[in-house]
Structure formats: structure tokens, C-alpha cells
């Protein structure tokens, strides 16, 4: 599990998510990074093989979409791996 956010705090239910992942996968690692989400996530995923990306989607207004490309678009266009986007 890899997370990037502005303040390097962990996901609210990180422990439960990790337990669930460990029940389905042999190896589960947890990484939390501080910084720019798109850049850090893309750089991390460049080093990964046999991975799947799961992202949450939150609504943005048209002005935001006009000036800022979404993190999902960068990953979908730049990497060859499956991406699942959950609309929350």
C-alpha cells in the first residue's frame, strides 16, 4: 500500500486495510510519503511490476480540471498497469 499526502499522515483505516490485504496477498508493504501526489505516485509506480492501482475519485469543478491534470490520467497514459477508480 502506497499513499502520498501533504502532511505524511496515514490513512484512517490503514491497519484494517493492511490486514485485509495480507489475507489475500503474500507480501504487503506500507509506504506513506509527503509531497506532490501525482509526481510521487508516478515515480513509485515506475519501479513496480505486477501491480494494480486503486484510487479514489472526488469531484472537481471544470476550472480545476482545465488547469490541473488528474493523477489518474497521468498514470493511465504513462504506465502499463491496471487502474481501478472508486468513486466515493
PDB file of N, CA and C in Angstrom:
ATOM      1  N   UNK A   1       0.850  -1.153   0.000  1.00  0.00           N
ATOM      2  CA  UNK A   1       0.000   0.000   0.000  1.00  0.00           C
ATOM      3  C   UNK A   1       0.901   1.222   0.000  1.00  0.00           C
ATOM      4  N   UNK A   2       0.623   2.150  -0.884  1.00  0.00           N
ATOM      5  CA  UNK A   2       1.426   3.367  -1.012  1.00  0.00           C
ATOM      6  C   UNK A   2       0.483   4.552  -0.962  1.00  0.00           C
ATOM      7  N   UNK A   3       0.809   5.510  -0.131  1.00  0.00           N
ATOM      8  CA  UNK A   3      -0.024   6.701  -0.005  1.00  0.00           C
ATOM      9  C   UNK A   3       0.854   7.937  -0.030  1.00  0.00           C
ATOM     10  N   UNK A   4       0.374   8.966  -0.708  1.00  0.00           N
ATOM     11  CA  UNK A   4       1.055  10.259  -0.741  1.00  0.00           C
ATOM     12  C   UNK A   4       0.063  11.317  -0.303  1.00  0.00           C
ATOM     13  N   UNK A   5       0.488  12.164   0.631  1.00  0.00           N
ATOM     14  CA  UNK A   5      -0.356  13.277   1.024  1.00  0.00           C
ATOM     15  C   UNK A   5       0.510  14.445   1.479  1.00  0.00           C
ATOM     16  N   UNK A   6      -0.097  15.561   1.718  1.00  0.00           N
ATOM     17  CA  UNK A   6       0.648  16.781   2.031  1.00  0.00           C
ATOM     18  C   UNK A   6       1.318  16.756   3.394  1.00  0.00           C
ATOM     19  N   UNK A   7       0.820  15.956   4.326  1.00  0.00           N
ATOM     20  CA  UNK A   7       1.333  16.007   5.686  1.00  0.00           C
ATOM     21  C   UNK A   7       1.888  14.680   6.200  1.00  0.00           C
ATOM     22  N   UNK A   8       2.051  13.701   5.346  1.00  0.00           N
ATOM     23  CA  UNK A   8       2.626  12.383   5.682  1.00  0.00           C
ATOM     24  C   UNK A   8       1.906  11.691   6.835  1.00  0.00           C
ATOM     25  N   UNK A   9       0.597  11.907   6.978  1.00  0.00           N
ATOM     26  CA  UNK A   9      -0.154  11.142   7.967  1.00  0.00           C
ATOM     27  C   UNK A   9      -0.747   9.922   7.286  1.00  0.00           C
ATOM     28  N   UNK A  10      -1.116   8.934   8.053  1.00  0.00           N
ATOM     29  CA  UNK A  10      -1.568   7.677   7.473  1.00  0.00           C
ATOM     30  C   UNK A  10      -3.075   7.669   7.242  1.00  0.00           C
ATOM     31  N   UNK A  11      -3.508   6.715   6.453  1.00  0.00           N
ATOM     32  CA  UNK A  11      -4.920   6.523   6.155  1.00  0.00           C
ATOM     33  C   UNK A  11      -5.659   6.184   7.455  1.00  0.00           C
ATOM     34  N   UNK A  12      -6.888   6.637   7.568  1.00  0.00           N
ATOM     35  CA  UNK A  12      -7.673   6.432   8.784  1.00  0.00           C
ATOM     36  C   UNK A  12      -7.777   4.953   9.167  1.00  0.00           C
ATOM     37  N   UNK A  13      -8.025   4.096   8.224  1.00  0.00           N
ATOM     38  CA  UNK A  13      -8.191   2.675   8.491  1.00  0.00           C
ATOM     39  C   UNK A  13      -7.036   1.853   7.935  1.00  0.00           C
ATOM     40  N   UNK A  14      -5.833   2.398   7.963  1.00  0.00           N
ATOM     41  CA  UNK A  14      -4.677   1.742   7.360  1.00  0.00           C
ATOM     42  C   UNK A  14      -4.453   0.337   7.936  1.00  0.00           C
ATOM     43  N   UNK A  15      -4.580   0.182   9.242  1.00  0.00           N
ATOM     44  CA  UNK A  15      -4.353  -1.124   9.868  1.00  0.00           C
ATOM     45  C   UNK A  15      -5.342  -2.162   9.340  1.00  0.00           C
ATOM     46  N   UNK A  16      -6.610  -1.799   9.232  1.00  0.00           N
ATOM     47  CA  UNK A  16      -7.619  -2.731   8.731  1.00  0.00           C
ATOM     48  C   UNK A  16      -7.395  -3.060   7.255  1.00  0.00           C
ATOM     49  N   UNK A  17      -7.004  -2.060   6.483  1.00  0.00           N
ATOM     50  CA  UNK A  17      -6.727  -2.294   5.062  1.00  0.00           C
ATOM     51  C   UNK A  17      -5.551  -3.256   4.915  1.00  0.00           C
ATOM     52  N   UNK A  18      -4.505  -3.041   5.713  1.00  0.00           N
ATOM     53  CA  UNK A  18      -3.330  -3.911   5.641  1.00  0.00           C
ATOM     54  C   UNK A  18      -3.692  -5.347   6.030  1.00  0.00           C
ATOM     55  N   UNK A  19      -4.492  -5.533   7.077  1.00  0.00           N
ATOM     56  CA  UNK A  19      -4.917  -6.887   7.463  1.00  0.00           C
ATOM     57  C   UNK A  19      -5.694  -7.567   6.340  1.00  0.00           C
ATOM     58  N   UNK A  20      -6.574  -6.814   5.686  1.00  0.00           N
ATOM     59  CA  UNK A  20      -7.341  -7.383   4.581  1.00  0.00           C
ATOM     60  C   UNK A  20      -6.411  -7.783   3.431  1.00  0.00           C
ATOM     61  N   UNK A  21      -5.478  -6.906   3.097  1.00  0.00           N
ATOM     62  CA  UNK A  21      -4.537  -7.207   2.014  1.00  0.00           C
ATOM     63  C   UNK A  21      -3.694  -8.440   2.338  1.00  0.00           C
ATOM     64  N   UNK A  22      -3.248  -8.564   3.592  1.00  0.00           N
ATOM     65  CA  UNK A  22      -2.430  -9.708   3.996  1.00  0.00           C
ATOM     66  C   UNK A  22      -3.204 -11.023   3.927  1.00  0.00           C
ATOM     67  N   UNK A  23      -4.524 -10.961   4.029  1.00  0.00           N
ATOM     68  CA  UNK A  23      -5.306 -12.184   3.912  1.00  0.00           C
ATOM     69  C   UNK A  23      -5.444 -12.639   2.460  1.00  0.00           C
ATOM     70  N   UNK A  24      -5.113 -11.757   1.510  1.00  0.00           N
ATOM     71  CA  UNK A  24      -5.240 -12.082   0.089  1.00  0.00           C
ATOM     72  C   UNK A  24      -3.920 -12.135  -0.666  1.00  0.00           C
ATOM     73  N   UNK A  25      -2.872 -11.540  -0.117  1.00  0.00           N
ATOM     74  CA  UNK A  25      -1.592 -11.458  -0.814  1.00  0.00           C
ATOM     75  C   UNK A  25      -0.461 -11.898   0.103  1.00  0.00           C
ATOM     76  N   UNK A  26       0.569 -12.495  -0.475  1.00  0.00           N
ATOM     77  CA  UNK A  26       1.701 -12.997   0.288  1.00  0.00           C
ATOM     78  C   UNK A  26       2.520 -11.853   0.879  1.00  0.00           C
ATOM     79  N   UNK A  27       2.785 -10.842   0.096  1.00  0.00           N
ATOM     80  CA  UNK A  27       3.644  -9.748   0.528  1.00  0.00           C
ATOM     81  C   UNK A  27       2.881  -8.429   0.476  1.00  0.00           C
ATOM     82  N   UNK A  28       2.821  -7.741   1.606  1.00  0.00           N
ATOM     83  CA  UNK A  28       2.150  -6.442   1.672  1.00  0.00           C
ATOM     84  C   UNK A  28       3.105  -5.459   2.335  1.00  0.00           C
ATOM     85  N   UNK A  29       3.390  -4.374   1.645  1.00  0.00           N
ATOM     86  CA  UNK A  29       4.243  -3.339   2.219  1.00  0.00           C
ATOM     87  C   UNK A  29       3.455  -2.044   2.318  1.00  0.00           C
ATOM     88  N   UNK A  30       3.804  -1.230   3.301  1.00  0.00           N
ATOM     89  CA  UNK A  30       3.121   0.035   3.521  1.00  0.00           C
ATOM     90  C   UNK A  30       4.121   1.168   3.410  1.00  0.00           C
ATOM     91  N   UNK A  31       3.813   2.147   2.570  1.00  0.00           N
ATOM     92  CA  UNK A  31       4.660   3.322   2.398  1.00  0.00           C
ATOM     93  C   UNK A  31       3.788   4.569   2.426  1.00  0.00           C
ATOM     94  N   UNK A  32       4.174   5.542   3.225  1.00  0.00           N
ATOM     95  CA  UNK A  32       3.482   6.826   3.273  1.00  0.00           C
ATOM     96  C   UNK A  32       4.517   7.900   2.978  1.00  0.00           C
ATOM     97  N   UNK A  33       4.262   8.711   1.963  1.00  0.00           N
ATOM     98  CA  UNK A  33       5.187   9.767   1.554  1.00  0.00           C
ATOM     99  C   UNK A  33       4.509  11.122   1.653  1.00  0.00           C
ATOM    100  N   UNK A  34       5.303  12.131   1.902  1.00  0.00           N
ATOM    101  CA  UNK A  34       4.807  13.501   1.924  1.00  0.00           C
ATOM    102  C   UNK A  34       5.240  14.180   0.635  1.00  0.00           C
ATOM    103  N   UNK A  35       4.354  14.950   0.027  1.00  0.00           N
ATOM    104  CA  UNK A  35       4.732  15.683  -1.168  1.00  0.00           C
ATOM    105  C   UNK A  35       3.625  15.772  -2.188  1.00  0.00           C
ATOM    106  N   UNK A  36       4.036  16.064  -3.425  1.00  0.00           N
ATOM    107  CA  UNK A  36       3.105  16.191  -4.538  1.00  0.00           C
ATOM    108  C   UNK A  36       2.587  14.810  -4.916  1.00  0.00           C
ATOM    109  N   UNK A  37       1.297  14.638  -4.877  1.00  0.00           N
ATOM    110  CA  UNK A  37       0.686  13.332  -5.084  1.00  0.00           C
ATOM    111  C   UNK A  37       1.017  12.734  -6.444  1.00  0.00           C
ATOM    112  N   UNK A  38       0.774  13.466  -7.505  1.00  0.00           N
ATOM    113  CA  UNK A  38       0.974  12.928  -8.855  1.00  0.00           C
ATOM    114  C   UNK A  38       2.415  12.528  -9.103  1.00  0.00           C
ATOM    115  N   UNK A  39       3.351  13.401  -8.767  1.00  0.00           N
ATOM    116  CA  UNK A  39       4.769  13.128  -9.025  1.00  0.00           C
ATOM    117  C   UNK A  39       5.275  11.937  -8.224  1.00  0.00           C
ATOM    118  N   UNK A  40       4.974  11.918  -6.932  1.00  0.00           N
ATOM    119  CA  UNK A  40       5.465  10.836  -6.070  1.00  0.00           C
ATOM    120  C   UNK A  40       4.836   9.501  -6.441  1.00  0.00           C
ATOM    121  N   UNK A  41       3.551   9.498  -6.729  1.00  0.00           N
ATOM    122  CA  UNK A  41       2.877   8.261  -7.098  1.00  0.00           C
ATOM    123  C   UNK A  41       3.403   7.713  -8.417  1.00  0.00           C
ATOM    124  N   UNK A  42       3.574   8.565  -9.403  1.00  0.00           N
ATOM    125  CA  UNK A  42       4.086   8.131 -10.703  1.00  0.00           C
ATOM    126  C   UNK A  42       5.505   7.574 -10.559  1.00  0.00           C
ATOM    127  N   UNK A  43       6.361   8.269  -9.817  1.00  0.00           N
ATOM    128  CA  UNK A  43       7.751   7.812  -9.618  1.00  0.00           C
ATOM    129  C   UNK A  43       7.781   6.456  -8.916  1.00  0.00           C
ATOM    130  N   UNK A  44       6.929   6.277  -7.919  1.00  0.00           N
ATOM    131  CA  UNK A  44       6.879   4.999  -7.208  1.00  0.00           C
ATOM    132  C   UNK A  44       6.405   3.880  -8.131  1.00  0.00           C
ATOM    133  N   UNK A  45       5.368   4.130  -8.901  1.00  0.00           N
ATOM    134  CA  UNK A  45       4.808   3.098  -9.765  1.00  0.00           C
ATOM    135  C   UNK A  45       5.736   2.719 -10.913  1.00  0.00           C
ATOM    136  N   UNK A  46       6.612   3.622 -11.305  1.00  0.00           N
ATOM    137  CA  UNK A  46       7.597   3.297 -12.350  1.00  0.00           C
ATOM    138  C   UNK A  46       8.497   2.140 -11.928  1.00  0.00           C
ATOM    139  N   UNK A  47       8.707   1.982 -10.634  1.00  0.00           N
ATOM    140  CA  UNK A  47       9.603   0.939 -10.131  1.00  0.00           C
ATOM    141  C   UNK A  47       8.888  -0.366  -9.842  1.00  0.00           C
ATOM    142  N   UNK A  48       7.582  -0.408 -10.007  1.00  0.00           N
ATOM    143  CA  UNK A  48       6.788  -1.580  -9.644  1.00  0.00           C
ATOM    144  C   UNK A  48       6.455  -2.438 -10.864  1.00  0.00           C
ATOM    145  N   UNK A  49       6.368  -3.745 -10.634  1.00  0.00           N
ATOM    146  CA  UNK A  49       5.906  -4.685 -11.648  1.00  0.00           C
ATOM    147  C   UNK A  49       4.774  -5.510 -11.058  1.00  0.00           C
ATOM    148  N   UNK A  50       3.907  -6.006 -11.895  1.00  0.00           N
ATOM    149  CA  UNK A  50       2.788  -6.849 -11.456  1.00  0.00           C
ATOM    150  C   UNK A  50       1.983  -6.172 -10.353  1.00  0.00           C
ATOM    151  N   UNK A  51       1.625  -4.938 -10.575  1.00  0.00           N
ATOM    152  CA  UNK A  51       0.860  -4.177  -9.592  1.00  0.00           C
ATOM    153  C   UNK A  51      -0.453  -3.712 -10.191  1.00  0.00           C
ATOM    154  N   UNK A  52      -1.369  -3.361  -9.297  1.00  0.00           N
ATOM    155  CA  UNK A  52      -2.645  -2.783  -9.690  1.00  0.00           C
ATOM    156  C   UNK A  52      -2.825  -1.519  -8.867  1.00  0.00           C
ATOM    157  N   UNK A  53      -3.331  -0.471  -9.500  1.00  0.00           N
ATOM    158  CA  UNK A  53      -3.535   0.808  -8.827  1.00  0.00           C
ATOM    159  C   UNK A  53      -5.013   0.951  -8.482  1.00  0.00           C
ATOM    160  N   UNK A  54      -5.296   1.280  -7.217  1.00  0.00           N
ATOM    161  CA  UNK A  54      -6.652   1.563  -6.767  1.00  0.00           C
ATOM    162  C   UNK A  54      -6.650   2.989  -6.242  1.00  0.00           C
ATOM    163  N   UNK A  55      -7.508   3.818  -6.826  1.00  0.00           N
ATOM    164  CA  UNK A  55      -7.560   5.227  -6.449  1.00  0.00           C
ATOM    165  C   UNK A  55      -8.991   5.627  -6.138  1.00  0.00           C
ATOM    166  N   UNK A  56      -9.136   6.618  -5.275  1.00  0.00           N
ATOM    167  CA  UNK A  56     -10.443   7.200  -5.001  1.00  0.00           C
ATOM    168  C   UNK A  56     -10.636   8.415  -5.887  1.00  0.00           C
ATOM    169  N   UNK A  57     -11.851   8.649  -6.308  1.00  0.00           N
ATOM    170  CA  UNK A  57     -12.144   9.802  -7.165  1.00  0.00           C
ATOM    171  C   UNK A  57     -13.069  10.762  -6.417  1.00  0.00           C
ATOM    172  N   UNK A  58     -12.716  12.003  -6.436  1.00  0.00           N
ATOM    173  CA  UNK A  58     -13.533  13.040  -5.823  1.00  0.00           C
ATOM    174  C   UNK A  58     -13.833  14.084  -6.879  1.00  0.00           C
ATOM    175  N   UNK A  59     -15.006  14.648  -6.833  1.00  0.00           N
ATOM    176  CA  UNK A  59     -15.428  15.620  -7.839  1.00  0.00           C
ATOM    177  C   UNK A  59     -14.582  16.883  -7.832  1.00  0.00           C
ATOM    178  N   UNK A  60     -14.251  17.346  -9.009  1.00  0.00           N
ATOM    179  CA  UNK A  60     -13.546  18.609  -9.178  1.00  0.00           C
ATOM    180  C   UNK A  60     -14.360  19.451 -10.143  1.00  0.00           C
ATOM    181  N   UNK A  61     -14.294  20.752  -9.966  1.00  0.00           N
ATOM    182  CA  UNK A  61     -15.052  21.608 -10.876  1.00  0.00           C
ATOM    183  C   UNK A  61     -14.307  21.760 -12.200  1.00  0.00           C
ATOM    184  N   UNK A  62     -14.974  22.306 -13.198  1.00  0.00           N
ATOM    185  CA  UNK A  62     -14.414  22.404 -14.558  1.00  0.00           C
ATOM    186  C   UNK A  62     -13.173  23.279 -14.590  1.00  0.00           C
ATOM    187  N   UNK A  63     -13.096  24.297 -13.754  1.00  0.00           N
ATOM    188  CA  UNK A  63     -11.924  25.183 -13.747  1.00  0.00           C
ATOM    189  C   UNK A  63     -10.690  24.438 -13.249  1.00  0.00           C
ATOM    190  N   UNK A  64     -10.859  23.630 -12.222  1.00  0.00           N
ATOM    191  CA  UNK A  64      -9.751  22.824 -11.708  1.00  0.00           C
ATOM    192  C   UNK A  64      -9.265  21.835 -12.762  1.00  0.00           C
ATOM    193  N   UNK A  65     -10.206  21.163 -13.442  1.00  0.00           N
ATOM    194  CA  UNK A  65      -9.831  20.198 -14.485  1.00  0.00           C
ATOM    195  C   UNK A  65      -9.158  20.873 -15.669  1.00  0.00           C
ATOM    196  N   UNK A  66      -9.493  22.131 -15.918  1.00  0.00           N
ATOM    197  CA  UNK A  66      -8.898  22.873 -17.024  1.00  0.00           C
ATOM    198  C   UNK A  66      -7.411  23.127 -16.786  1.00  0.00           C
ATOM    199  N   UNK A  67      -7.028  23.432 -15.545  1.00  0.00           N
ATOM    200  CA  UNK A  67      -5.646  23.807 -15.240  1.00  0.00           C
ATOM    201  C   UNK A  67      -4.796  22.672 -14.669  1.00  0.00           C
ATOM    202  N   UNK A  68      -5.417  21.652 -14.105  1.00  0.00           N
ATOM    203  CA  UNK A  68      -4.660  20.575 -13.466  1.00  0.00           C
ATOM    204  C   UNK A  68      -5.114  19.220 -13.981  1.00  0.00           C
ATOM    205  N   UNK A  69      -4.183  18.470 -14.537  1.00  0.00           N
ATOM    206  CA  UNK A  69      -4.478  17.122 -14.991  1.00  0.00           C
ATOM    207  C   UNK A  69      -4.625  16.221 -13.772  1.00  0.00           C
ATOM    208  N   UNK A  70      -5.513  15.253 -13.831  1.00  0.00           N
ATOM    209  CA  UNK A  70      -5.714  14.373 -12.687  1.00  0.00           C
ATOM    210  C   UNK A  70      -4.566  13.377 -12.552  1.00  0.00           C
ATOM    211  N   UNK A  71      -4.340  12.905 -11.333  1.00  0.00           N
ATOM    212  CA  UNK A  71      -3.307  11.897 -11.079  1.00  0.00           C
ATOM    213  C   UNK A  71      -3.607  10.619 -11.856  1.00  0.00           C
ATOM    214  N   UNK A  72      -4.879  10.273 -11.944  1.00  0.00           N
ATOM    215  CA  UNK A  72      -5.263   9.057 -12.667  1.00  0.00           C
ATOM    216  C   UNK A  72      -4.914   9.154 -14.146  1.00  0.00           C
ATOM    217  N   UNK A  73      -5.140  10.303 -14.769  1.00  0.00           N
ATOM    218  CA  UNK A  73      -4.821  10.469 -16.188  1.00  0.00           C
ATOM    219  C   UNK A  73      -3.336  10.268 -16.443  1.00  0.00           C
ATOM    220  N   UNK A  74      -2.501  10.810 -15.578  1.00  0.00           N
ATOM    221  CA  UNK A  74      -1.047  10.677 -15.729  1.00  0.00           C
ATOM    222  C   UNK A  74      -0.648   9.207 -15.660  1.00  0.00           C
ATOM    223  N   UNK A  75      -1.216   8.464 -14.729  1.00  0.00           N
ATOM    224  CA  UNK A  75      -0.881   7.048 -14.561  1.00  0.00           C
ATOM    225  C   UNK A  75      -1.412   6.224 -15.732  1.00  0.00           C
ATOM    226  N   UNK A  76      -2.647   6.454 -16.128  1.00  0.00           N
ATOM    227  CA  UNK A  76      -3.248   5.695 -17.229  1.00  0.00           C
ATOM    228  C   UNK A  76      -2.491   5.909 -18.528  1.00  0.00           C
ATOM    229  N   UNK A  77      -2.092   7.146 -18.803  1.00  0.00           N
ATOM    230  CA  UNK A  77      -1.392   7.461 -20.047  1.00  0.00           C
ATOM    231  C   UNK A  77       0.078   7.052 -20.016  1.00  0.00           C
ATOM    232  N   UNK A  78       0.709   7.051 -18.834  1.00  0.00           N
ATOM    233  CA  UNK A  78       2.147   6.839 -18.769  1.00  0.00           C
ATOM    234  C   UNK A  78       2.611   5.465 -18.352  1.00  0.00           C
ATOM    235  N   UNK A  79       1.726   4.641 -17.799  1.00  0.00           N
ATOM    236  CA  UNK A  79       2.137   3.335 -17.299  1.00  0.00           C
ATOM    237  C   UNK A  79       1.260   2.236 -17.872  1.00  0.00           C
ATOM    238  N   UNK A  80       1.808   1.045 -17.922  1.00  0.00           N
ATOM    239  CA  UNK A  80       1.079  -0.106 -18.438  1.00  0.00           C
ATOM    240  C   UNK A  80       0.672  -1.007 -17.275  1.00  0.00           C
ATOM    241  N   UNK A  81      -0.341  -0.576 -16.513  1.00  0.00           N
ATOM    242  CA  UNK A  81      -0.862  -1.387 -15.418  1.00  0.00           C
ATOM    243  C   UNK A  81      -2.328  -1.064 -15.209  1.00  0.00           C
ATOM    244  N   UNK A  82      -3.066  -2.028 -14.649  1.00  0.00           N
ATOM    245  CA  UNK A  82      -4.498  -1.783 -14.445  1.00  0.00           C
ATOM    246  C   UNK A  82      -4.742  -0.731 -13.384  1.00  0.00           C
ATOM    247  N   UNK A  83      -5.769   0.091 -13.601  1.00  0.00           N
ATOM    248  CA  UNK A  83      -6.145   1.150 -12.666  1.00  0.00           C
ATOM    249  C   UNK A  83      -7.640   1.015 -12.361  1.00  0.00           C
ATOM    250  N   UNK A  84      -7.966   0.915 -11.080  1.00  0.00           N
ATOM    251  CA  UNK A  84      -9.359   0.870 -10.634  1.00  0.00           C
ATOM    252  C   UNK A  84      -9.629   2.169  -9.895  1.00  0.00           C
ATOM    253  N   UNK A  85     -10.660   2.898 -10.328  1.00  0.00           N
ATOM    254  CA  UNK A  85     -11.003   4.167  -9.689  1.00  0.00           C
ATOM    255  C   UNK A  85     -12.358   4.008  -9.010  1.00  0.00           C
ATOM    256  N   UNK A  86     -12.347   4.143  -7.683  1.00  0.00           N
ATOM    257  CA  UNK A  86     -13.572   4.027  -6.886  1.00  0.00           C
ATOM    258  C   UNK A  86     -14.132   5.417  -6.659  1.00  0.00           C
ATOM    259  N   UNK A  87     -15.346   5.645  -7.089  1.00  0.00           N
ATOM    260  CA  UNK A  87     -15.984   6.940  -6.883  1.00  0.00           C
ATOM    261  C   UNK A  87     -16.603   6.963  -5.498  1.00  0.00           C
ATOM    262  N   UNK A  88     -16.070   7.820  -4.651  1.00  0.00           N
ATOM    263  CA  UNK A  88     -16.511   7.878  -3.237  1.00  0.00           C
ATOM    264  C   UNK A  88     -17.586   8.907  -3.054  1.00  0.00           C
TER     265      UNK A  88
END
